[in-house]
Amino acid sequence: MITPDRALQILRDEGCSEKVIAHCIAVSEHATEIAEKLAAEGKQVDVELVTIGGLLHDLGRCRTHGIDHAVVGADIAAELDLGPLIINIIKKHIGAGITTEEAKELGLPEDDYIPVTLEEKIVAHADNFISGNTRTTMEQLIEKMKEKDLTEESMMRIIALAEEIGIY
């Protein structure tokens, strides 16, 4: 596993803005807190993986700010040989995931982008509750989802993920 310093260096080397890096740090910190709480409750969670995954989740924003940033980031992570666990966190962090059908509609490669592992879910969840580098509430998140005109299915998936993780 790479170190947090190495993850930050990758973001800088790939050309991520300081604003994106600040967001990644905030997501990583929130995700790590969640992982540590869940671990203290006896859940099997790789806290180090969550920390690094949180730092690198928006790696693709060095090249695009579109919905495809997750796919672009996963591709960069694969080129850097960061391993399948990190690659999948990056690939599956958008909202509470994207189904194969939604991916097709969005013009993404036909694939399932729904987080499966606890670590993938924690990073996606933490990202939902960080706006810029500030934590938001569930009420603010719901308002943001409405403003983005997300489908009912996507909104329900995000809310279900928040309820599953149980830590906002």
C-alpha atoms as a PDB file:
ATOM      1  CA  MET A   1       0.000   0.000   0.000  1.00  0.00           C
ATOM      2  CA  ILE A   2       1.297   3.464  -0.835  1.00  0.00           C
ATOM      3  CA  THR A   3       1.591   6.132   1.851  1.00  0.00           C
ATOM      4  CA  PRO A   4      -0.682   9.163   2.161  1.00  0.00           C
ATOM      5  CA  ASP A   5       2.266  11.377   1.155  1.00  0.00           C
ATOM      6  CA  ARG A   6       2.757   9.288  -2.002  1.00  0.00           C
ATOM      7  CA  ALA A   7      -0.981   9.531  -2.791  1.00  0.00           C
ATOM      8  CA  LEU A   8      -0.839  13.322  -2.495  1.00  0.00           C
ATOM      9  CA  GLN A   9       2.271  13.392  -4.693  1.00  0.00           C
ATOM     10  CA  ILE A  10       0.412  11.349  -7.333  1.00  0.00           C
ATOM     11  CA  LEU A  11      -2.432  13.897  -7.319  1.00  0.00           C
ATOM     12  CA  ARG A  12       0.085  16.730  -7.793  1.00  0.00           C
ATOM     13  CA  ASP A  13       2.152  14.872 -10.409  1.00  0.00           C
ATOM     14  CA  GLU A  14      -0.970  14.125 -12.443  1.00  0.00           C
ATOM     15  CA  GLY A  15      -1.983  17.796 -12.370  1.00  0.00           C
ATOM     16  CA  CYS A  16      -4.863  17.982  -9.888  1.00  0.00           C
ATOM     17  CA  SER A  17      -5.606  21.502  -8.703  1.00  0.00           C
ATOM     18  CA  GLU A  18      -5.071  22.477  -5.078  1.00  0.00           C
ATOM     19  CA  LYS A  19      -8.862  22.774  -4.769  1.00  0.00           C
ATOM     20  CA  VAL A  20      -9.303  19.142  -5.850  1.00  0.00           C
ATOM     21  CA  ILE A  21      -6.493  18.056  -3.530  1.00  0.00           C
ATOM     22  CA  ALA A  22      -8.109  19.892  -0.583  1.00  0.00           C
ATOM     23  CA  HIS A  23     -11.380  18.084  -1.369  1.00  0.00           C
ATOM     24  CA  CYS A  24      -9.585  14.722  -1.532  1.00  0.00           C
ATOM     25  CA  ILE A  25      -7.935  15.361   1.839  1.00  0.00           C
ATOM     26  CA  ALA A  26     -11.296  16.272   3.407  1.00  0.00           C
ATOM     27  CA  VAL A  27     -12.953  13.151   1.962  1.00  0.00           C
ATOM     28  CA  SER A  28     -10.060  10.979   3.149  1.00  0.00           C
ATOM     29  CA  GLU A  29     -10.216  12.424   6.667  1.00  0.00           C
ATOM     30  CA  HIS A  30     -13.991  11.879   6.892  1.00  0.00           C
ATOM     31  CA  ALA A  31     -13.752   8.393   5.382  1.00  0.00           C
ATOM     32  CA  THR A  32     -10.939   7.453   7.775  1.00  0.00           C
ATOM     33  CA  GLU A  33     -12.993   8.617  10.780  1.00  0.00           C
ATOM     34  CA  ILE A  34     -15.918   6.508   9.571  1.00  0.00           C
ATOM     35  CA  ALA A  35     -13.680   3.472   9.011  1.00  0.00           C
ATOM     36  CA  GLU A  36     -12.121   3.831  12.461  1.00  0.00           C
ATOM     37  CA  LYS A  37     -15.565   4.051  14.110  1.00  0.00           C
ATOM     38  CA  LEU A  38     -16.781   0.992  12.231  1.00  0.00           C
ATOM     39  CA  ALA A  39     -13.590  -0.903  13.113  1.00  0.00           C
ATOM     40  CA  ALA A  40     -14.106   0.010  16.788  1.00  0.00           C
ATOM     41  CA  GLU A  41     -17.603  -1.484  16.480  1.00  0.00           C
ATOM     42  CA  GLY A  42     -16.041  -4.739  15.299  1.00  0.00           C
ATOM     43  CA  LYS A  43     -16.538  -4.374  11.530  1.00  0.00           C
ATOM     44  CA  GLN A  44     -13.792  -5.773   9.313  1.00  0.00           C
ATOM     45  CA  VAL A  45     -12.513  -2.707   7.477  1.00  0.00           C
ATOM     46  CA  ASP A  46      -9.112  -1.813   6.031  1.00  0.00           C
ATOM     47  CA  VAL A  47      -8.660   1.690   7.445  1.00  0.00           C
ATOM     48  CA  GLU A  48      -5.403   2.264   5.525  1.00  0.00           C
ATOM     49  CA  LEU A  49      -7.112   1.376   2.232  1.00  0.00           C
ATOM     50  CA  VAL A  50      -9.946   3.787   3.040  1.00  0.00           C
ATOM     51  CA  THR A  51      -7.451   6.571   3.781  1.00  0.00           C
ATOM     52  CA  ILE A  52      -5.566   6.096   0.506  1.00  0.00           C
ATOM     53  CA  GLY A  53      -8.757   5.499  -1.490  1.00  0.00           C
ATOM     54  CA  GLY A  54     -10.212   8.708  -0.101  1.00  0.00           C
ATOM     55  CA  LEU A  55      -7.124  10.647  -1.107  1.00  0.00           C
ATOM     56  CA  LEU A  56      -7.142   9.248  -4.649  1.00  0.00           C
ATOM     57  CA  HIS A  57     -10.895   9.017  -5.325  1.00  0.00           C
ATOM     58  CA  ASP A  58     -10.907  12.143  -7.546  1.00  0.00           C
ATOM     59  CA  LEU A  59      -7.622  11.412  -9.335  1.00  0.00           C
ATOM     60  CA  GLY A  60      -9.439  11.643 -12.679  1.00  0.00           C
ATOM     61  CA  ARG A  61     -10.281  15.304 -12.036  1.00  0.00           C
ATOM     62  CA  CYS A  62      -6.764  16.089 -13.223  1.00  0.00           C
ATOM     63  CA  ARG A  63      -8.126  15.515 -16.746  1.00  0.00           C
ATOM     64  CA  THR A  64     -11.909  16.005 -16.557  1.00  0.00           C
ATOM     65  CA  HIS A  65     -14.583  17.266 -14.214  1.00  0.00           C
ATOM     66  CA  GLY A  66     -17.325  15.312 -15.962  1.00  0.00           C
ATOM     67  CA  ILE A  67     -19.035  12.200 -14.642  1.00  0.00           C
ATOM     68  CA  ASP A  68     -16.341  10.216 -16.451  1.00  0.00           C
ATOM     69  CA  HIS A  69     -13.699  11.413 -13.953  1.00  0.00           C
ATOM     70  CA  ALA A  70     -14.169   8.150 -12.056  1.00  0.00           C
ATOM     71  CA  VAL A  71     -13.358   6.063 -15.134  1.00  0.00           C
ATOM     72  CA  VAL A  72     -10.443   8.332 -16.090  1.00  0.00           C
ATOM     73  CA  GLY A  73      -9.109   8.159 -12.525  1.00  0.00           C
ATOM     74  CA  ALA A  74      -9.397   4.371 -12.452  1.00  0.00           C
ATOM     75  CA  ASP A  75      -7.479   4.218 -15.749  1.00  0.00           C
ATOM     76  CA  ILE A  76      -4.712   6.446 -14.358  1.00  0.00           C
ATOM     77  CA  ALA A  77      -4.559   4.311 -11.209  1.00  0.00           C
ATOM     78  CA  ALA A  78      -4.243   1.190 -13.382  1.00  0.00           C
ATOM     79  CA  GLU A  79      -1.426   2.806 -15.394  1.00  0.00           C
ATOM     80  CA  LEU A  80       0.316   3.597 -12.097  1.00  0.00           C
ATOM     81  CA  ASP A  81      -0.211  -0.011 -10.970  1.00  0.00           C
ATOM     82  CA  LEU A  82      -1.994   1.042  -7.765  1.00  0.00           C
ATOM     83  CA  GLY A  83      -3.847  -2.262  -7.542  1.00  0.00           C
ATOM     84  CA  PRO A  84      -7.454  -3.363  -7.972  1.00  0.00           C
ATOM     85  CA  LEU A  85      -8.633  -2.286  -4.517  1.00  0.00           C
ATOM     86  CA  ILE A  86      -7.670   1.369  -5.086  1.00  0.00           C
ATOM     87  CA  ILE A  87      -8.809   1.252  -8.720  1.00  0.00           C
ATOM     88  CA  ASN A  88     -12.282   0.057  -7.684  1.00  0.00           C
ATOM     89  CA  ILE A  89     -12.635   2.705  -4.973  1.00  0.00           C
ATOM     90  CA  ILE A  90     -11.879   5.380  -7.580  1.00  0.00           C
ATOM     91  CA  LYS A  91     -14.131   3.793 -10.197  1.00  0.00           C
ATOM     92  CA  LYS A  92     -17.128   3.304  -7.885  1.00  0.00           C
ATOM     93  CA  HIS A  93     -17.137   6.460  -5.758  1.00  0.00           C
ATOM     94  CA  ILE A  94     -19.709   8.545  -7.656  1.00  0.00           C
ATOM     95  CA  GLY A  95     -22.866   9.046  -5.594  1.00  0.00           C
ATOM     96  CA  ALA A  96     -23.687   5.596  -4.332  1.00  0.00           C
ATOM     97  CA  GLY A  97     -22.582   4.055  -7.585  1.00  0.00           C
ATOM     98  CA  ILE A  98     -23.922   3.847 -11.102  1.00  0.00           C
ATOM     99  CA  THR A  99     -25.663   0.811 -12.560  1.00  0.00           C
ATOM    100  CA  THR A 100     -24.658  -0.675 -15.892  1.00  0.00           C
ATOM    101  CA  GLU A 101     -27.815   0.774 -17.458  1.00  0.00           C
ATOM    102  CA  GLU A 102     -27.129   4.250 -16.059  1.00  0.00           C
ATOM    103  CA  ALA A 103     -23.519   4.038 -17.245  1.00  0.00           C
ATOM    104  CA  LYS A 104     -24.735   3.330 -20.763  1.00  0.00           C
ATOM    105  CA  GLU A 105     -27.138   6.299 -20.621  1.00  0.00           C
ATOM    106  CA  LEU A 106     -24.340   8.552 -19.340  1.00  0.00           C
ATOM    107  CA  GLY A 107     -21.952   7.508 -22.110  1.00  0.00           C
ATOM    108  CA  LEU A 108     -19.604   5.671 -19.755  1.00  0.00           C
ATOM    109  CA  PRO A 109     -18.082   2.306 -20.582  1.00  0.00           C
ATOM    110  CA  GLU A 110     -20.714  -0.355 -19.993  1.00  0.00           C
ATOM    111  CA  ASP A 111     -19.842  -1.599 -16.507  1.00  0.00           C
ATOM    112  CA  ASP A 112     -21.237  -1.831 -12.983  1.00  0.00           C
ATOM    113  CA  TYR A 113     -20.035   1.113 -10.876  1.00  0.00           C
ATOM    114  CA  ILE A 114     -21.889   0.193  -7.669  1.00  0.00           C
ATOM    115  CA  PRO A 115     -19.609   0.031  -4.604  1.00  0.00           C
ATOM    116  CA  VAL A 116     -19.483  -3.492  -3.169  1.00  0.00           C
ATOM    117  CA  THR A 117     -16.780  -3.665  -0.508  1.00  0.00           C
ATOM    118  CA  LEU A 118     -17.118  -1.794   2.769  1.00  0.00           C
ATOM    119  CA  GLU A 119     -14.092   0.319   1.840  1.00  0.00           C
ATOM    120  CA  GLU A 120     -15.665   1.318  -1.517  1.00  0.00           C
ATOM    121  CA  LYS A 121     -18.914   2.186   0.252  1.00  0.00           C
ATOM    122  CA  ILE A 122     -17.197   4.270   2.938  1.00  0.00           C
ATOM    123  CA  VAL A 123     -15.291   6.416   0.418  1.00  0.00           C
ATOM    124  CA  ALA A 124     -18.390   6.947  -1.744  1.00  0.00           C
ATOM    125  CA  HIS A 125     -20.397   7.831   1.364  1.00  0.00           C
ATOM    126  CA  ALA A 126     -17.778  10.238   2.707  1.00  0.00           C
ATOM    127  CA  ASP A 127     -17.523  11.934  -0.699  1.00  0.00           C
ATOM    128  CA  ASN A 128     -21.296  12.508  -0.686  1.00  0.00           C
ATOM    129  CA  PHE A 129     -20.992  14.432   2.575  1.00  0.00           C
ATOM    130  CA  ILE A 130     -18.078  16.667   1.556  1.00  0.00           C
ATOM    131  CA  SER A 131     -18.814  19.726  -0.548  1.00  0.00           C
ATOM    132  CA  GLY A 132     -15.545  21.332  -1.567  1.00  0.00           C
ATOM    133  CA  ASN A 133     -13.682  20.644   1.650  1.00  0.00           C
ATOM    134  CA  THR A 134     -16.625  21.199   4.025  1.00  0.00           C
ATOM    135  CA  ARG A 135     -18.828  18.536   5.603  1.00  0.00           C
ATOM    136  CA  THR A 136     -22.510  18.796   4.886  1.00  0.00           C
ATOM    137  CA  THR A 137     -25.611  17.500   6.621  1.00  0.00           C
ATOM    138  CA  MET A 138     -28.105  14.979   5.285  1.00  0.00           C
ATOM    139  CA  GLU A 139     -30.528  17.857   4.658  1.00  0.00           C
ATOM    140  CA  GLN A 140     -27.908  19.746   2.641  1.00  0.00           C
ATOM    141  CA  LEU A 141     -27.068  16.570   0.719  1.00  0.00           C
ATOM    142  CA  ILE A 142     -30.719  16.000  -0.197  1.00  0.00           C
ATOM    143  CA  GLU A 143     -31.040  19.620  -1.337  1.00  0.00           C
ATOM    144  CA  LYS A 144     -27.867  19.282  -3.435  1.00  0.00           C
ATOM    145  CA  MET A 145     -29.203  16.083  -5.040  1.00  0.00           C
ATOM    146  CA  LYS A 146     -32.444  17.871  -5.953  1.00  0.00           C
ATOM    147  CA  GLU A 147     -30.497  20.787  -7.452  1.00  0.00           C
ATOM    148  CA  LYS A 148     -28.461  18.347  -9.563  1.00  0.00           C
ATOM    149  CA  ASP A 149     -31.738  16.832 -10.758  1.00  0.00           C
ATOM    150  CA  LEU A 150     -30.657  13.290  -9.894  1.00  0.00           C
ATOM    151  CA  THR A 151     -33.020  10.463 -10.689  1.00  0.00           C
ATOM    152  CA  GLU A 152     -35.179   9.163  -7.869  1.00  0.00           C
ATOM    153  CA  GLU A 153     -33.277   5.857  -8.116  1.00  0.00           C
ATOM    154  CA  SER A 154     -29.910   7.599  -7.662  1.00  0.00           C
ATOM    155  CA  MET A 155     -31.180   9.662  -4.729  1.00  0.00           C
ATOM    156  CA  MET A 156     -32.603   6.595  -3.003  1.00  0.00           C
ATOM    157  CA  ARG A 157     -29.321   4.717  -3.503  1.00  0.00           C
ATOM    158  CA  ILE A 158     -27.365   7.574  -1.874  1.00  0.00           C
ATOM    159  CA  ILE A 159     -29.775   7.722   1.065  1.00  0.00           C
ATOM    160  CA  ALA A 160     -29.704   3.918   1.434  1.00  0.00           C
ATOM    161  CA  LEU A 161     -25.885   3.983   1.458  1.00  0.00           C
ATOM    162  CA  ALA A 162     -25.921   6.662   4.180  1.00  0.00           C
ATOM    163  CA  GLU A 163     -28.312   4.543   6.223  1.00  0.00           C
ATOM    164  CA  GLU A 164     -26.194   1.422   5.659  1.00  0.00           C
ATOM    165  CA  ILE A 165     -23.004   3.154   6.807  1.00  0.00           C
ATOM    166  CA  GLY A 166     -24.944   4.825   9.618  1.00  0.00           C
ATOM    167  CA  ILE A 167     -22.433   7.618  10.184  1.00  0.00           C
ATOM    168  CA  TYR A 168     -22.966  11.023   8.616  1.00  0.00           C
END
